Each structure stands twice: as C-alpha cells, then as structure tokens.
Amino acid sequence: MGCVYGIANFLSGKYYLPGCSFAELRPQVALPMFIGVLCGPLAGFATGASGDMLGYAFAGKGPLFALHWSFANGLMELIPELAALGVSVLKKPFFERLTAEGENLVAP
C-alpha cells in the first residue's frame, strides 16, 4: 500500500493550491489511515512514511529528500490509531485492564 500512496503523492505533487507555491492538495492521506484502522498503528506508520519517501523518489528527488516530512506523514497515521486504541482500552473495567487475559484479580 505504501507504493500506491507513493504514486498518488507523485501524481498530486504536480498540483498546488491556488495562490501558494508549496501547499499541495493530498486527499490520499486517507489511505494510510485506512490501513492503520485495518492492520494496526505500525502498519499505518509504515505506509505513510514509506509512501511519502516513494513519492519523492518517483519525482526524482530521492527517497531521503525530506525525511522529516516522511516521518511526519508516518506520525500522522500512527497517532490517531494509538489514540483510538487508548480509548478502547480505557473503556474496559479497571480489573480487566490489569490482567492480560481479562480475568478479575478479586476472587469471587
């Protein structure tokens, strides 16, 4: 999926928002977020970061052209998924969070 994201980045990198020579319209950022929902936060991070690097490579700038932006693309996919996981963990009762199996620590 990183390759698909990279190709989409390359194609959309040719078009800038009116009045600004550096701001691109990138609707394809939803793809790594979708991968993150399906496969987990690390898969979303890998798809976002590698796809951004591939987009720069396809454009002829090299995969390490803007490494900080590629890392930020990965974080953009990682952070919402970690937040969603944290919310789902917090919805469990306290004693279920303390044990891996979900068994209560208090004996009946």
N, C-alpha and C. Protein backbone atom coordinates (compact mmCIF):
# COMPACT_ATOMS: atom_id res chain seq x y z
N MET A 1 0.81 -1.20 0.00
CA MET A 1 0.00 0.00 0.00
C MET A 1 0.85 1.26 0.00
N GLY A 2 2.06 1.14 0.53
CA GLY A 2 2.95 2.30 0.50
C GLY A 2 3.26 2.74 -0.91
N CYS A 3 3.34 1.77 -1.83
CA CYS A 3 3.61 2.09 -3.24
C CYS A 3 2.44 2.86 -3.85
N VAL A 4 1.23 2.43 -3.56
CA VAL A 4 0.04 3.12 -4.06
C VAL A 4 0.00 4.54 -3.52
N TYR A 5 0.31 4.68 -2.24
CA TYR A 5 0.34 6.00 -1.62
C TYR A 5 1.44 6.86 -2.24
N GLY A 6 2.59 6.26 -2.52
CA GLY A 6 3.69 7.00 -3.15
C GLY A 6 3.33 7.48 -4.54
N ILE A 7 2.68 6.63 -5.33
CA ILE A 7 2.27 7.03 -6.68
C ILE A 7 1.24 8.16 -6.60
N ALA A 8 0.31 8.04 -5.67
CA ALA A 8 -0.69 9.10 -5.51
C ALA A 8 -0.03 10.41 -5.06
N ASN A 9 0.99 10.33 -4.20
CA ASN A 9 1.73 11.53 -3.79
C ASN A 9 2.44 12.15 -4.99
N PHE A 10 3.04 11.31 -5.82
CA PHE A 10 3.74 11.81 -7.00
C PHE A 10 2.77 12.52 -7.94
N LEU A 11 1.61 11.90 -8.17
CA LEU A 11 0.63 12.49 -9.09
C LEU A 11 0.04 13.79 -8.54
N SER A 12 -0.25 13.83 -7.26
CA SER A 12 -0.84 15.04 -6.69
C SER A 12 0.21 16.11 -6.41
N GLY A 13 1.49 15.76 -6.41
CA GLY A 13 2.55 16.72 -6.15
C GLY A 13 2.76 17.71 -7.28
N LYS A 14 2.11 17.48 -8.40
CA LYS A 14 2.24 18.39 -9.53
C LYS A 14 1.27 19.56 -9.45
N TYR A 15 0.29 19.45 -8.55
CA TYR A 15 -0.76 20.47 -8.46
C TYR A 15 -0.71 21.13 -7.09
N TYR A 16 -0.66 22.44 -7.10
CA TYR A 16 -0.60 23.21 -5.86
C TYR A 16 -1.89 23.99 -5.66
N LEU A 17 -2.15 24.34 -4.43
CA LEU A 17 -3.32 25.15 -4.13
C LEU A 17 -3.14 26.54 -4.74
N PRO A 18 -4.21 27.15 -5.21
CA PRO A 18 -4.09 28.48 -5.83
C PRO A 18 -3.53 29.51 -4.85
N GLY A 19 -2.59 30.30 -5.33
CA GLY A 19 -2.01 31.36 -4.52
C GLY A 19 -0.88 30.91 -3.62
N CYS A 20 -0.50 29.63 -3.67
CA CYS A 20 0.56 29.13 -2.80
C CYS A 20 1.41 28.15 -3.60
N SER A 21 2.70 28.41 -3.64
CA SER A 21 3.56 27.59 -4.49
C SER A 21 4.10 26.33 -3.82
N PHE A 22 3.70 26.07 -2.57
CA PHE A 22 4.26 24.91 -1.90
C PHE A 22 3.22 24.03 -1.20
N ALA A 23 1.97 24.45 -1.13
CA ALA A 23 0.94 23.67 -0.45
C ALA A 23 0.20 22.79 -1.46
N GLU A 24 0.31 21.50 -1.25
CA GLU A 24 -0.32 20.53 -2.15
C GLU A 24 -1.64 20.05 -1.56
N LEU A 25 -2.55 19.71 -2.41
CA LEU A 25 -3.80 19.08 -2.00
C LEU A 25 -3.57 17.58 -2.04
N ARG A 26 -3.66 16.90 -0.89
CA ARG A 26 -3.36 15.47 -0.80
C ARG A 26 -4.52 14.70 -0.17
N PRO A 27 -5.54 14.40 -0.95
CA PRO A 27 -6.64 13.63 -0.39
C PRO A 27 -6.27 12.18 -0.11
N GLN A 28 -5.15 11.73 -0.66
CA GLN A 28 -4.75 10.32 -0.48
C GLN A 28 -4.23 10.01 0.92
N VAL A 29 -4.14 11.00 1.80
CA VAL A 29 -3.69 10.71 3.17
C VAL A 29 -4.67 9.80 3.90
N ALA A 30 -5.86 9.69 3.37
CA ALA A 30 -6.85 8.78 3.99
C ALA A 30 -6.44 7.32 3.81
N LEU A 31 -5.64 7.01 2.79
CA LEU A 31 -5.24 5.62 2.53
C LEU A 31 -4.42 5.02 3.67
N PRO A 32 -3.34 5.65 4.13
CA PRO A 32 -2.62 5.07 5.26
C PRO A 32 -3.43 5.03 6.55
N MET A 33 -4.33 6.00 6.73
CA MET A 33 -5.20 5.95 7.91
C MET A 33 -6.11 4.74 7.85
N PHE A 34 -6.62 4.44 6.66
CA PHE A 34 -7.45 3.26 6.47
C PHE A 34 -6.65 1.99 6.75
N ILE A 35 -5.40 1.94 6.28
CA ILE A 35 -4.53 0.80 6.54
C ILE A 35 -4.27 0.68 8.04
N GLY A 36 -4.10 1.80 8.70
CA GLY A 36 -3.90 1.79 10.15
C GLY A 36 -5.09 1.23 10.89
N VAL A 37 -6.30 1.54 10.42
CA VAL A 37 -7.50 1.00 11.05
C VAL A 37 -7.58 -0.51 10.83
N LEU A 38 -7.26 -0.94 9.61
CA LEU A 38 -7.36 -2.37 9.29
C LEU A 38 -6.25 -3.21 9.91
N CYS A 39 -5.02 -2.70 9.88
CA CYS A 39 -3.86 -3.54 10.23
C CYS A 39 -3.12 -3.09 11.47
N GLY A 40 -3.46 -1.97 12.04
CA GLY A 40 -2.79 -1.51 13.25
C GLY A 40 -1.97 -0.26 13.03
N PRO A 41 -1.59 0.40 14.12
CA PRO A 41 -0.88 1.68 14.04
C PRO A 41 0.47 1.60 13.35
N LEU A 42 1.22 0.53 13.59
CA LEU A 42 2.54 0.43 12.95
C LEU A 42 2.44 0.27 11.44
N ALA A 43 1.43 -0.45 10.98
CA ALA A 43 1.22 -0.59 9.53
C ALA A 43 0.86 0.76 8.93
N GLY A 44 0.05 1.55 9.63
CA GLY A 44 -0.28 2.89 9.16
C GLY A 44 0.95 3.78 9.10
N PHE A 45 1.80 3.69 10.13
CA PHE A 45 3.04 4.48 10.14
C PHE A 45 3.94 4.09 8.97
N ALA A 46 4.11 2.78 8.78
CA ALA A 46 4.98 2.30 7.69
C ALA A 46 4.44 2.71 6.33
N THR A 47 3.14 2.62 6.15
CA THR A 47 2.54 3.00 4.87
C THR A 47 2.70 4.50 4.62
N GLY A 48 2.45 5.31 5.63
CA GLY A 48 2.58 6.76 5.46
C GLY A 48 4.01 7.20 5.20
N ALA A 49 4.94 6.70 5.99
CA ALA A 49 6.34 7.12 5.83
C ALA A 49 6.95 6.58 4.54
N SER A 50 6.76 5.30 4.26
CA SER A 50 7.36 4.73 3.04
C SER A 50 6.69 5.29 1.79
N GLY A 51 5.39 5.52 1.84
CA GLY A 51 4.70 6.09 0.69
C GLY A 51 5.17 7.49 0.38
N ASP A 52 5.42 8.29 1.40
CA ASP A 52 5.92 9.64 1.18
C ASP A 52 7.33 9.59 0.59
N MET A 53 8.16 8.69 1.10
CA MET A 53 9.51 8.54 0.54
C MET A 53 9.47 8.10 -0.92
N LEU A 54 8.58 7.17 -1.22
CA LEU A 54 8.44 6.71 -2.60
C LEU A 54 7.93 7.82 -3.51
N GLY A 55 7.05 8.64 -3.02
CA GLY A 55 6.56 9.78 -3.81
C GLY A 55 7.69 10.72 -4.18
N TYR A 56 8.58 11.00 -3.22
CA TYR A 56 9.74 11.84 -3.53
C TYR A 56 10.69 11.14 -4.50
N ALA A 57 10.85 9.83 -4.34
CA ALA A 57 11.73 9.08 -5.24
C ALA A 57 11.18 9.08 -6.66
N PHE A 58 9.87 8.87 -6.81
CA PHE A 58 9.25 8.89 -8.14
C PHE A 58 9.38 10.26 -8.79
N ALA A 59 9.39 11.31 -7.99
CA ALA A 59 9.50 12.67 -8.52
C ALA A 59 10.94 13.02 -8.87
N GLY A 60 11.89 12.11 -8.59
CA GLY A 60 13.28 12.35 -8.92
C GLY A 60 14.07 13.09 -7.86
N LYS A 61 13.50 13.25 -6.69
CA LYS A 61 14.20 13.96 -5.61
C LYS A 61 14.96 13.03 -4.68
N GLY A 62 14.71 11.75 -4.77
CA GLY A 62 15.36 10.78 -3.89
C GLY A 62 14.49 10.50 -2.68
N PRO A 63 14.57 9.27 -2.15
CA PRO A 63 13.70 8.91 -1.03
C PRO A 63 14.02 9.64 0.28
N LEU A 64 15.22 10.17 0.41
CA LEU A 64 15.61 10.86 1.64
C LEU A 64 15.55 12.37 1.49
N PHE A 65 14.83 12.86 0.49
CA PHE A 65 14.76 14.30 0.20
C PHE A 65 14.27 15.09 1.41
N ALA A 66 13.14 14.75 1.93
CA ALA A 66 12.58 15.45 3.08
C ALA A 66 12.18 14.40 4.12
N LEU A 67 13.19 13.85 4.76
CA LEU A 67 12.97 12.75 5.70
C LEU A 67 12.07 13.17 6.86
N HIS A 68 12.19 14.41 7.29
CA HIS A 68 11.34 14.89 8.39
C HIS A 68 9.86 14.90 7.98
N TRP A 69 9.56 15.21 6.71
CA TRP A 69 8.17 15.18 6.27
C TRP A 69 7.67 13.75 6.13
N SER A 70 8.54 12.85 5.72
CA SER A 70 8.14 11.44 5.64
C SER A 70 7.85 10.89 7.03
N PHE A 71 8.67 11.25 7.99
CA PHE A 71 8.44 10.83 9.38
C PHE A 71 7.12 11.43 9.89
N ALA A 72 6.88 12.70 9.57
CA ALA A 72 5.63 13.35 9.98
C ALA A 72 4.42 12.69 9.33
N ASN A 73 4.56 12.25 8.08
CA ASN A 73 3.47 11.51 7.43
C ASN A 73 3.19 10.22 8.16
N GLY A 74 4.23 9.54 8.61
CA GLY A 74 4.03 8.33 9.38
C GLY A 74 3.34 8.61 10.71
N LEU A 75 3.77 9.68 11.38
CA LEU A 75 3.15 10.05 12.66
C LEU A 75 1.69 10.46 12.47
N MET A 76 1.40 11.07 11.33
CA MET A 76 0.03 11.48 11.05
C MET A 76 -0.90 10.26 11.00
N GLU A 77 -0.36 9.12 10.66
CA GLU A 77 -1.15 7.89 10.62
C GLU A 77 -1.07 7.14 11.94
N LEU A 78 0.04 7.25 12.65
CA LEU A 78 0.25 6.50 13.88
C LEU A 78 -0.54 7.07 15.06
N ILE A 79 -0.51 8.37 15.24
CA ILE A 79 -1.09 8.99 16.43
C ILE A 79 -2.60 8.77 16.56
N PRO A 80 -3.40 8.96 15.50
CA PRO A 80 -4.83 8.70 15.67
C PRO A 80 -5.15 7.25 16.02
N GLU A 81 -4.38 6.32 15.46
CA GLU A 81 -4.64 4.91 15.76
C GLU A 81 -4.27 4.57 17.20
N LEU A 82 -3.17 5.14 17.68
CA LEU A 82 -2.81 4.92 19.08
C LEU A 82 -3.85 5.54 20.02
N ALA A 83 -4.36 6.70 19.63
CA ALA A 83 -5.40 7.33 20.43
C ALA A 83 -6.66 6.48 20.46
N ALA A 84 -7.01 5.91 19.30
CA ALA A 84 -8.20 5.06 19.24
C ALA A 84 -8.00 3.80 20.08
N LEU A 85 -6.80 3.24 20.05
CA LEU A 85 -6.53 2.06 20.88
C LEU A 85 -6.59 2.43 22.36
N GLY A 86 -6.08 3.58 22.71
CA GLY A 86 -6.11 4.01 24.11
C GLY A 86 -7.52 4.20 24.60
N VAL A 87 -8.38 4.75 23.78
CA VAL A 87 -9.78 4.94 24.18
C VAL A 87 -10.47 3.60 24.36
N SER A 88 -10.19 2.64 23.47
CA SER A 88 -10.84 1.34 23.61
C SER A 88 -10.33 0.60 24.84
N VAL A 89 -9.08 0.80 25.21
CA VAL A 89 -8.54 0.16 26.41
C VAL A 89 -9.15 0.79 27.65
N LEU A 90 -9.36 2.09 27.63
CA LEU A 90 -9.92 2.77 28.80
C LEU A 90 -11.39 2.44 29.02
N LYS A 91 -12.08 1.94 28.02
CA LYS A 91 -13.48 1.59 28.18
C LYS A 91 -13.67 0.29 28.97
N LYS A 92 -12.61 -0.51 29.09
CA LYS A 92 -12.70 -1.76 29.84
C LYS A 92 -12.72 -1.47 31.34
N PRO A 93 -13.34 -2.34 32.12
CA PRO A 93 -13.29 -2.17 33.58
C PRO A 93 -11.85 -2.23 34.09
N PHE A 94 -11.63 -1.62 35.24
CA PHE A 94 -10.28 -1.49 35.77
C PHE A 94 -9.57 -2.82 35.94
N PHE A 95 -10.25 -3.81 36.52
CA PHE A 95 -9.57 -5.08 36.79
C PHE A 95 -9.28 -5.84 35.51
N GLU A 96 -10.04 -5.63 34.45
CA GLU A 96 -9.75 -6.28 33.17
C GLU A 96 -8.52 -5.68 32.53
N ARG A 97 -8.27 -4.42 32.80
CA ARG A 97 -7.07 -3.80 32.25
C ARG A 97 -5.80 -4.27 32.95
N LEU A 98 -5.91 -4.74 34.17
CA LEU A 98 -4.73 -5.16 34.92
C LEU A 98 -4.22 -6.53 34.50
N THR A 99 -5.06 -7.36 33.96
CA THR A 99 -4.64 -8.71 33.58
C THR A 99 -4.70 -8.87 32.07
N ALA A 100 -3.80 -9.67 31.55
CA ALA A 100 -3.74 -9.89 30.10
C ALA A 100 -4.94 -10.69 29.61
N GLU A 101 -5.40 -11.62 30.40
CA GLU A 101 -6.50 -12.50 29.97
C GLU A 101 -7.86 -11.87 30.22
N GLY A 102 -7.91 -10.78 30.95
CA GLY A 102 -9.18 -10.16 31.25
C GLY A 102 -9.86 -10.76 32.46
N GLU A 103 -9.16 -11.59 33.23
CA GLU A 103 -9.75 -12.19 34.43
C GLU A 103 -9.62 -11.20 35.58
N ASN A 104 -10.62 -11.16 36.41
CA ASN A 104 -10.58 -10.27 37.58
C ASN A 104 -9.57 -10.77 38.60
N LEU A 105 -8.90 -9.80 39.25
CA LEU A 105 -7.95 -10.16 40.29
C LEU A 105 -8.62 -10.45 41.62
N VAL A 106 -9.84 -9.99 41.76
CA VAL A 106 -10.57 -10.20 43.01
C VAL A 106 -11.28 -11.55 42.95
N ALA A 107 -11.02 -12.37 43.95
CA ALA A 107 -11.65 -13.70 43.97
C ALA A 107 -13.13 -13.55 44.31
N PRO A 108 -14.00 -14.36 43.71
CA PRO A 108 -15.43 -14.25 44.00
C PRO A 108 -15.76 -14.75 45.39
